[in-house]
Full PDB file with SEQRES, HELIX, SHEET, SSBOND, CRYST1, ORIGX, SCALE, CONECT and MASTER records, all heavy atoms in Angstrom:
SEQRES   1 A   33  GLY VAL GLY VAL THR VAL HIS LEU GLY ARG ARG ARG GLY          
SEQRES   2 A   33  HIS ALA SER THR SER ASP PHE SER ALA PRO ALA LEU ALA          
SEQRES   3 A   33  GLN THR VAL ALA ALA ALA TYR                                  
HELIX    1 AA1 ALA A   22  ALA A   32  1                                  11    
SHEET    1 AA1 2 VAL A   2  LEU A   8  0                                        
SHEET    2 AA1 2 ARG A  11  THR A  17 -1                                        
CRYST1    1.000    1.000    1.000  90.00  90.00  90.00 P 1           1          
ORIGX1      1.000000  0.000000  0.000000        0.00000                         
ORIGX2      0.000000  1.000000  0.000000        0.00000                         
ORIGX3      0.000000  0.000000  1.000000        0.00000                         
SCALE1      1.000000  0.000000  0.000000        0.00000                         
SCALE2      0.000000  1.000000  0.000000        0.00000                         
SCALE3      0.000000  0.000000  1.000000        0.00000                         
ATOM      1  N   GLY A   1     189.420 151.569  63.721  1.00  0.00           N  
ATOM      2  CA  GLY A   1     190.301 152.532  64.368  1.00  0.00           C  
ATOM      3  C   GLY A   1     191.277 153.173  63.393  1.00  0.00           C  
ATOM      4  O   GLY A   1     191.623 152.590  62.360  1.00  0.00           O  
ATOM      5  N   VAL A   2     191.682 154.361  63.743  1.00  0.00           N  
ATOM      6  CA  VAL A   2     192.723 155.101  63.019  1.00  0.00           C  
ATOM      7  C   VAL A   2     193.784 155.490  64.028  1.00  0.00           C  
ATOM      8  O   VAL A   2     193.468 156.111  65.051  1.00  0.00           O  
ATOM      9  CB  VAL A   2     192.157 156.370  62.343  1.00  0.00           C  
ATOM     10  CG1 VAL A   2     193.278 157.178  61.694  1.00  0.00           C  
ATOM     11  CG2 VAL A   2     191.091 156.014  61.318  1.00  0.00           C  
ATOM     12  N   GLY A   3     195.020 155.138  63.760  1.00  0.00           N  
ATOM     13  CA  GLY A   3     196.141 155.562  64.586  1.00  0.00           C  
ATOM     14  C   GLY A   3     197.093 156.396  63.754  1.00  0.00           C  
ATOM     15  O   GLY A   3     197.503 155.973  62.664  1.00  0.00           O  
ATOM     16  N   VAL A   4     197.426 157.575  64.223  1.00  0.00           N  
ATOM     17  CA  VAL A   4     198.290 158.492  63.469  1.00  0.00           C  
ATOM     18  C   VAL A   4     199.510 158.844  64.303  1.00  0.00           C  
ATOM     19  O   VAL A   4     199.386 159.218  65.476  1.00  0.00           O  
ATOM     20  CB  VAL A   4     197.541 159.791  63.087  1.00  0.00           C  
ATOM     21  CG1 VAL A   4     198.471 160.730  62.310  1.00  0.00           C  
ATOM     22  CG2 VAL A   4     196.299 159.464  62.265  1.00  0.00           C  
ATOM     23  N   THR A   5     200.673 158.724  63.697  1.00  0.00           N  
ATOM     24  CA  THR A   5     201.928 159.123  64.342  1.00  0.00           C  
ATOM     25  C   THR A   5     202.545 160.264  63.544  1.00  0.00           C  
ATOM     26  O   THR A   5     202.723 160.149  62.319  1.00  0.00           O  
ATOM     27  CB  THR A   5     202.920 157.955  64.420  1.00  0.00           C  
ATOM     28  OG1 THR A   5     202.326 156.888  65.153  1.00  0.00           O  
ATOM     29  CG2 THR A   5     204.208 158.385  65.111  1.00  0.00           C  
ATOM     30  N   VAL A   6     202.841 161.354  64.211  1.00  0.00           N  
ATOM     31  CA  VAL A   6     203.425 162.539  63.575  1.00  0.00           C  
ATOM     32  C   VAL A   6     204.823 162.757  64.111  1.00  0.00           C  
ATOM     33  O   VAL A   6     205.059 162.670  65.327  1.00  0.00           O  
ATOM     34  CB  VAL A   6     202.557 163.790  63.833  1.00  0.00           C  
ATOM     35  CG1 VAL A   6     203.287 165.062  63.427  1.00  0.00           C  
ATOM     36  CG2 VAL A   6     201.235 163.674  63.080  1.00  0.00           C  
ATOM     37  N   HIS A   7     205.766 163.002  63.214  1.00  0.00           N  
ATOM     38  CA  HIS A   7     207.158 163.286  63.597  1.00  0.00           C  
ATOM     39  C   HIS A   7     207.493 164.727  63.223  1.00  0.00           C  
ATOM     40  O   HIS A   7     207.242 165.177  62.103  1.00  0.00           O  
ATOM     41  CB  HIS A   7     208.120 162.344  62.876  1.00  0.00           C  
ATOM     42  CG  HIS A   7     207.954 160.911  63.256  1.00  0.00           C  
ATOM     43  ND1 HIS A   7     208.571 160.352  64.360  1.00  0.00           N  
ATOM     44  CD2 HIS A   7     207.226 159.906  62.686  1.00  0.00           C  
ATOM     45  CE1 HIS A   7     208.235 159.073  64.451  1.00  0.00           C  
ATOM     46  NE2 HIS A   7     207.426 158.777  63.454  1.00  0.00           N  
ATOM     47  N   LEU A   8     208.044 165.447  64.187  1.00  0.00           N  
ATOM     48  CA  LEU A   8     208.599 166.785  63.948  1.00  0.00           C  
ATOM     49  C   LEU A   8     210.082 166.682  64.246  1.00  0.00           C  
ATOM     50  O   LEU A   8     210.522 166.841  65.391  1.00  0.00           O  
ATOM     51  CB  LEU A   8     207.934 167.823  64.859  1.00  0.00           C  
ATOM     52  CG  LEU A   8     206.428 168.023  64.668  1.00  0.00           C  
ATOM     53  CD1 LEU A   8     205.899 169.012  65.702  1.00  0.00           C  
ATOM     54  CD2 LEU A   8     206.130 168.502  63.258  1.00  0.00           C  
ATOM     55  N   GLY A   9     210.864 166.352  63.217  1.00  0.00           N  
ATOM     56  CA  GLY A   9     212.273 166.057  63.472  1.00  0.00           C  
ATOM     57  C   GLY A   9     212.376 164.820  64.343  1.00  0.00           C  
ATOM     58  O   GLY A   9     211.888 163.745  63.970  1.00  0.00           O  
ATOM     59  N   ARG A  10     212.966 164.966  65.531  1.00  0.00           N  
ATOM     60  CA  ARG A  10     213.114 163.849  66.449  1.00  0.00           C  
ATOM     61  C   ARG A  10     212.058 163.862  67.548  1.00  0.00           C  
ATOM     62  O   ARG A  10     212.199 163.193  68.563  1.00  0.00           O  
ATOM     63  CB  ARG A  10     214.521 163.865  67.060  1.00  0.00           C  
ATOM     64  CG  ARG A  10     215.642 163.592  66.066  1.00  0.00           C  
ATOM     65  CD  ARG A  10     215.465 162.229  65.413  1.00  0.00           C  
ATOM     66  NE  ARG A  10     216.534 161.914  64.471  1.00  0.00           N  
ATOM     67  CZ  ARG A  10     216.597 160.791  63.763  1.00  0.00           C  
ATOM     68  NH1 ARG A  10     215.624 159.901  63.895  1.00  0.00           N  
ATOM     69  NH2 ARG A  10     217.590 160.577  62.920  1.00  0.00           N  
ATOM     70  N   ARG A  11     211.019 164.633  67.348  1.00  0.00           N  
ATOM     71  CA  ARG A  11     209.892 164.644  68.284  1.00  0.00           C  
ATOM     72  C   ARG A  11     208.756 163.804  67.690  1.00  0.00           C  
ATOM     73  O   ARG A  11     208.522 163.845  66.483  1.00  0.00           O  
ATOM     74  CB  ARG A  11     209.400 166.067  68.549  1.00  0.00           C  
ATOM     75  CG  ARG A  11     210.456 166.996  69.136  1.00  0.00           C  
ATOM     76  CD  ARG A  11     209.917 168.419  69.212  1.00  0.00           C  
ATOM     77  NE  ARG A  11     210.932 169.370  69.636  1.00  0.00           N  
ATOM     78  CZ  ARG A  11     211.144 169.732  70.896  1.00  0.00           C  
ATOM     79  NH1 ARG A  11     210.381 169.229  71.852  1.00  0.00           N  
ATOM     80  NH2 ARG A  11     212.082 170.608  71.207  1.00  0.00           N  
ATOM     81  N   ARG A  12     208.036 163.109  68.558  1.00  0.00           N  
ATOM     82  CA  ARG A  12     207.020 162.174  68.076  1.00  0.00           C  
ATOM     83  C   ARG A  12     205.730 162.337  68.869  1.00  0.00           C  
ATOM     84  O   ARG A  12     205.745 162.501  70.100  1.00  0.00           O  
ATOM     85  CB  ARG A  12     207.526 160.739  68.230  1.00  0.00           C  
ATOM     86  CG  ARG A  12     206.529 159.648  67.904  1.00  0.00           C  
ATOM     87  CD  ARG A  12     207.112 158.290  68.249  1.00  0.00           C  
ATOM     88  NE  ARG A  12     206.180 157.211  67.982  1.00  0.00           N  
ATOM     89  CZ  ARG A  12     205.240 156.799  68.802  1.00  0.00           C  
ATOM     90  NH1 ARG A  12     205.069 157.399  69.980  1.00  0.00           N  
ATOM     91  NH2 ARG A  12     204.437 155.792  68.477  1.00  0.00           N  
ATOM     92  N   GLY A  13     204.589 162.293  68.172  1.00  0.00           N  
ATOM     93  CA  GLY A  13     203.290 162.325  68.821  1.00  0.00           C  
ATOM     94  C   GLY A  13     202.352 161.318  68.185  1.00  0.00           C  
ATOM     95  O   GLY A  13     202.437 161.049  66.980  1.00  0.00           O  
ATOM     96  N   HIS A  14     201.470 160.769  68.986  1.00  0.00           N  
ATOM     97  CA  HIS A  14     200.549 159.758  68.477  1.00  0.00           C  
ATOM     98  C   HIS A  14     199.149 160.029  69.014  1.00  0.00           C  
ATOM     99  O   HIS A  14     198.984 160.400  70.184  1.00  0.00           O  
ATOM    100  CB  HIS A  14     200.990 158.353  68.888  1.00  0.00           C  
ATOM    101  CG  HIS A  14     200.065 157.266  68.395  1.00  0.00           C  
ATOM    102  ND1 HIS A  14     200.161 156.749  67.120  1.00  0.00           N  
ATOM    103  CD2 HIS A  14     199.034 156.620  69.009  1.00  0.00           C  
ATOM    104  CE1 HIS A  14     199.227 155.824  66.968  1.00  0.00           C  
ATOM    105  NE2 HIS A  14     198.519 155.742  68.092  1.00  0.00           N  
ATOM    106  N   ALA A  15     198.150 159.820  68.177  1.00  0.00           N  
ATOM    107  CA  ALA A  15     196.745 159.954  68.584  1.00  0.00           C  
ATOM    108  C   ALA A  15     195.916 158.967  67.781  1.00  0.00           C  
ATOM    109  O   ALA A  15     196.332 158.498  66.709  1.00  0.00           O  
ATOM    110  CB  ALA A  15     196.250 161.378  68.359  1.00  0.00           C  
ATOM    111  N   SER A  16     194.728 158.644  68.298  1.00  0.00           N  
ATOM    112  CA  SER A  16     193.885 157.660  67.619  1.00  0.00           C  
ATOM    113  C   SER A  16     192.413 158.028  67.755  1.00  0.00           C  
ATOM    114  O   SER A  16     192.020 158.819  68.622  1.00  0.00           O  
ATOM    115  CB  SER A  16     194.126 156.260  68.191  1.00  0.00           C  
ATOM    116  OG  SER A  16     193.800 156.240  69.575  1.00  0.00           O  
ATOM    117  N   THR A  17     191.606 157.436  66.897  1.00  0.00           N  
ATOM    118  CA  THR A  17     190.163 157.637  66.924  1.00  0.00           C  
ATOM    119  C   THR A  17     189.477 156.428  66.313  1.00  0.00           C  
ATOM    120  O   THR A  17     190.097 155.662  65.558  1.00  0.00           O  
ATOM    121  CB  THR A  17     189.771 158.908  66.136  1.00  0.00           C  
ATOM    122  OG1 THR A  17     188.356 159.100  66.214  1.00  0.00           O  
ATOM    123  CG2 THR A  17     190.156 158.804  64.674  1.00  0.00           C  
ATOM    124  N   SER A  18     188.190 156.263  66.626  1.00  0.00           N  
ATOM    125  CA  SER A  18     187.397 155.216  65.989  1.00  0.00           C  
ATOM    126  C   SER A  18     186.400 155.808  65.004  1.00  0.00           C  
ATOM    127  O   SER A  18     185.552 155.105  64.466  1.00  0.00           O  
ATOM    128  CB  SER A  18     186.648 154.399  67.049  1.00  0.00           C  
ATOM    129  OG  SER A  18     185.802 155.238  67.819  1.00  0.00           O  
ATOM    130  N   ASP A  19     186.540 157.099  64.755  1.00  0.00           N  
ATOM    131  CA  ASP A  19     185.632 157.825  63.865  1.00  0.00           C  
ATOM    132  C   ASP A  19     186.344 158.081  62.538  1.00  0.00           C  
ATOM    133  O   ASP A  19     187.410 158.711  62.513  1.00  0.00           O  
ATOM    134  CB  ASP A  19     185.227 159.143  64.535  1.00  0.00           C  
ATOM    135  CG  ASP A  19     184.149 159.897  63.767  1.00  0.00           C  
ATOM    136  OD1 ASP A  19     183.913 159.577  62.581  1.00  0.00           O  
ATOM    137  OD2 ASP A  19     183.553 160.812  64.357  1.00  0.00           O  
ATOM    138  N   PHE A  20     185.785 157.602  61.446  1.00  0.00           N  
ATOM    139  CA  PHE A  20     186.412 157.754  60.123  1.00  0.00           C  
ATOM    140  C   PHE A  20     185.958 159.020  59.390  1.00  0.00           C  
ATOM    141  O   PHE A  20     186.328 159.236  58.238  1.00  0.00           O  
ATOM    142  CB  PHE A  20     186.090 156.539  59.244  1.00  0.00           C  
ATOM    143  CG  PHE A  20     186.889 155.300  59.580  1.00  0.00           C  
ATOM    144  CD1 PHE A  20     187.674 155.227  60.712  1.00  0.00           C  
ATOM    145  CD2 PHE A  20     186.855 154.194  58.738  1.00  0.00           C  
ATOM    146  CE1 PHE A  20     188.402 154.079  61.015  1.00  0.00           C  
ATOM    147  CE2 PHE A  20     187.574 153.045  59.027  1.00  0.00           C  
ATOM    148  CZ  PHE A  20     188.349 152.981  60.171  1.00  0.00           C  
ATOM    149  N   SER A  21     185.174 159.866  60.024  1.00  0.00           N  
ATOM    150  CA  SER A  21     184.704 161.077  59.342  1.00  0.00           C  
ATOM    151  C   SER A  21     185.850 162.064  59.158  1.00  0.00           C  
ATOM    152  O   SER A  21     186.828 162.055  59.903  1.00  0.00           O  
ATOM    153  CB  SER A  21     183.587 161.741  60.144  1.00  0.00           C  
ATOM    154  OG  SER A  21     184.082 162.276  61.359  1.00  0.00           O  
ATOM    155  N   ALA A  22     185.711 162.947  58.156  1.00  0.00           N  
ATOM    156  CA  ALA A  22     186.762 163.918  57.848  1.00  0.00           C  
ATOM    157  C   ALA A  22     187.094 164.822  59.037  1.00  0.00           C  
ATOM    158  O   ALA A  22     188.273 165.056  59.339  1.00  0.00           O  
ATOM    159  CB  ALA A  22     186.375 164.744  56.635  1.00  0.00           C  
ATOM    160  N   PRO A  23     186.107 165.366  59.761  1.00  0.00           N  
ATOM    161  CA  PRO A  23     186.447 166.213  60.913  1.00  0.00           C  
ATOM    162  C   PRO A  23     187.212 165.447  61.996  1.00  0.00           C  
ATOM    163  O   PRO A  23     188.138 165.992  62.609  1.00  0.00           O  
ATOM    164  CB  PRO A  23     185.073 166.679  61.428  1.00  0.00           C  
ATOM    165  CG  PRO A  23     184.170 166.576  60.251  1.00  0.00           C  
ATOM    166  CD  PRO A  23     184.653 165.387  59.492  1.00  0.00           C  
ATOM    167  N   ALA A  24     186.821 164.181  62.234  1.00  0.00           N  
ATOM    168  CA  ALA A  24     187.509 163.397  63.261  1.00  0.00           C  
ATOM    169  C   ALA A  24     188.949 163.097  62.856  1.00  0.00           C  
ATOM    170  O   ALA A  24     189.860 163.122  63.695  1.00  0.00           O  
ATOM    171  CB  ALA A  24     186.751 162.094  63.514  1.00  0.00           C  
ATOM    172  N   LEU A  25     189.175 162.817  61.565  1.00  0.00           N  
ATOM    173  CA  LEU A  25     190.536 162.565  61.091  1.00  0.00           C  
ATOM    174  C   LEU A  25     191.402 163.811  61.275  1.00  0.00           C  
ATOM    175  O   LEU A  25     192.550 163.724  61.732  1.00  0.00           O  
ATOM    176  CB  LEU A  25     190.517 162.142  59.623  1.00  0.00           C  
ATOM    177  CG  LEU A  25     189.815 160.829  59.289  1.00  0.00           C  
ATOM    178  CD1 LEU A  25     189.861 160.567  57.786  1.00  0.00           C  
ATOM    179  CD2 LEU A  25     190.439 159.664  60.045  1.00  0.00           C  
ATOM    180  N   ALA A  26     190.852 164.972  60.915  1.00  0.00           N  
ATOM    181  CA  ALA A  26     191.605 166.221  61.069  1.00  0.00           C  
ATOM    182  C   ALA A  26     191.930 166.486  62.533  1.00  0.00           C  
ATOM    183  O   ALA A  26     193.044 166.915  62.877  1.00  0.00           O  
ATOM    184  CB  ALA A  26     190.802 167.383  60.482  1.00  0.00           C  
ATOM    185  N   GLN A  27     190.959 166.229  63.392  1.00  0.00           N  
ATOM    186  CA  GLN A  27     191.167 166.444  64.827  1.00  0.00           C  
ATOM    187  C   GLN A  27     192.225 165.494  65.380  1.00  0.00           C  
ATOM    188  O   GLN A  27     193.051 165.882  66.219  1.00  0.00           O  
ATOM    189  CB  GLN A  27     189.838 166.235  65.557  1.00  0.00           C  
ATOM    190  CG  GLN A  27     189.812 166.757  66.972  1.00  0.00           C  
ATOM    191  CD  GLN A  27     188.406 166.687  67.552  1.00  0.00           C  
ATOM    192  OE1 GLN A  27     187.693 165.711  67.370  1.00  0.00           O  
ATOM    193  NE2 GLN A  27     187.999 167.742  68.246  1.00  0.00           N  
ATOM    194  N   THR A  28     192.243 164.254  64.912  1.00  0.00           N  
ATOM    195  CA  THR A  28     193.210 163.258  65.390  1.00  0.00           C  
ATOM    196  C   THR A  28     194.620 163.606  64.944  1.00  0.00           C  
ATOM    197  O   THR A  28     195.573 163.543  65.735  1.00  0.00           O  
ATOM    198  CB  THR A  28     192.821 161.864  64.866  1.00  0.00           C  
ATOM    199  OG1 THR A  28     191.502 161.550  65.309  1.00  0.00           O  
ATOM    200  CG2 THR A  28     193.794 160.811  65.378  1.00  0.00           C  
ATOM    201  N   VAL A  29     194.776 163.988  63.679  1.00  0.00           N  
ATOM    202  CA  VAL A  29     196.095 164.387  63.190  1.00  0.00           C  
ATOM    203  C   VAL A  29     196.588 165.621  63.941  1.00  0.00           C  
ATOM    204  O   VAL A  29     197.772 165.710  64.325  1.00  0.00           O  
ATOM    205  CB  VAL A  29     196.050 164.658  61.672  1.00  0.00           C  
ATOM    206  CG1 VAL A  29     197.402 165.206  61.191  1.00  0.00           C  
ATOM    207  CG2 VAL A  29     195.698 163.381  60.915  1.00  0.00           C  
ATOM    208  N   ALA A  30     195.700 166.580  64.196  1.00  0.00           N  
ATOM    209  CA  ALA A  30     196.079 167.782  64.937  1.00  0.00           C  
ATOM    210  C   ALA A  30     196.512 167.433  66.353  1.00  0.00           C  
ATOM    211  O   ALA A  30     197.477 168.018  66.890  1.00  0.00           O  
ATOM    212  CB  ALA A  30     194.912 168.765  64.965  1.00  0.00           C  
ATOM    213  N   ALA A  31     195.826 166.468  66.976  1.00  0.00           N  
ATOM    214  CA  ALA A  31     196.199 166.052  68.330  1.00  0.00           C  
ATOM    215  C   ALA A  31     197.581 165.423  68.344  1.00  0.00           C  
ATOM    216  O   ALA A  31     198.405 165.705  69.232  1.00  0.00           O  
ATOM    217  CB  ALA A  31     195.162 165.076  68.873  1.00  0.00           C  
ATOM    218  N   ALA A  32     197.865 164.573  67.343  1.00  0.00           N  
ATOM    219  CA  ALA A  32     199.199 163.956  67.271  1.00  0.00           C  
ATOM    220  C   ALA A  32     200.267 165.019  67.039  1.00  0.00           C  
ATOM    221  O   ALA A  32     201.367 164.950  67.615  1.00  0.00           O  
ATOM    222  CB  ALA A  32     199.223 162.919  66.142  1.00  0.00           C  
ATOM    223  N   TYR A  33     199.947 166.006  66.209  1.00  0.00           N  
ATOM    224  CA  TYR A  33     200.896 167.091  65.940  1.00  0.00           C  
ATOM    225  C   TYR A  33     201.194 167.883  67.213  1.00  0.00           C  
ATOM    226  O   TYR A  33     202.362 168.200  67.508  1.00  0.00           O  
ATOM    227  CB  TYR A  33     200.306 168.011  64.866  1.00  0.00           C  
ATOM    228  CG  TYR A  33     201.201 169.155  64.469  1.00  0.00           C  
ATOM    229  CD1 TYR A  33     202.177 168.992  63.495  1.00  0.00           C  
ATOM    230  CD2 TYR A  33     201.072 170.406  65.082  1.00  0.00           C  
ATOM    231  CE1 TYR A  33     203.010 170.048  63.133  1.00  0.00           C  
ATOM    232  CE2 TYR A  33     201.891 171.462  64.722  1.00  0.00           C  
ATOM    233  CZ  TYR A  33     202.860 171.275  63.751  1.00  0.00           C  
ATOM    234  OH  TYR A  33     203.689 172.318  63.403  1.00  0.00           O  
TER     235      TYR A  33                                                      
MASTER        0    0    0    1    2    0    0    6  234    1    0    3          
END                                                                             
């Protein structure tokens, strides 16, 4: 699993995936953002 937490100042978002491929990582980070 990959869990990503993104902070925009005092705003927070989190998303996760079980796919380690580059497209899945980009999609997960974008979802957290």
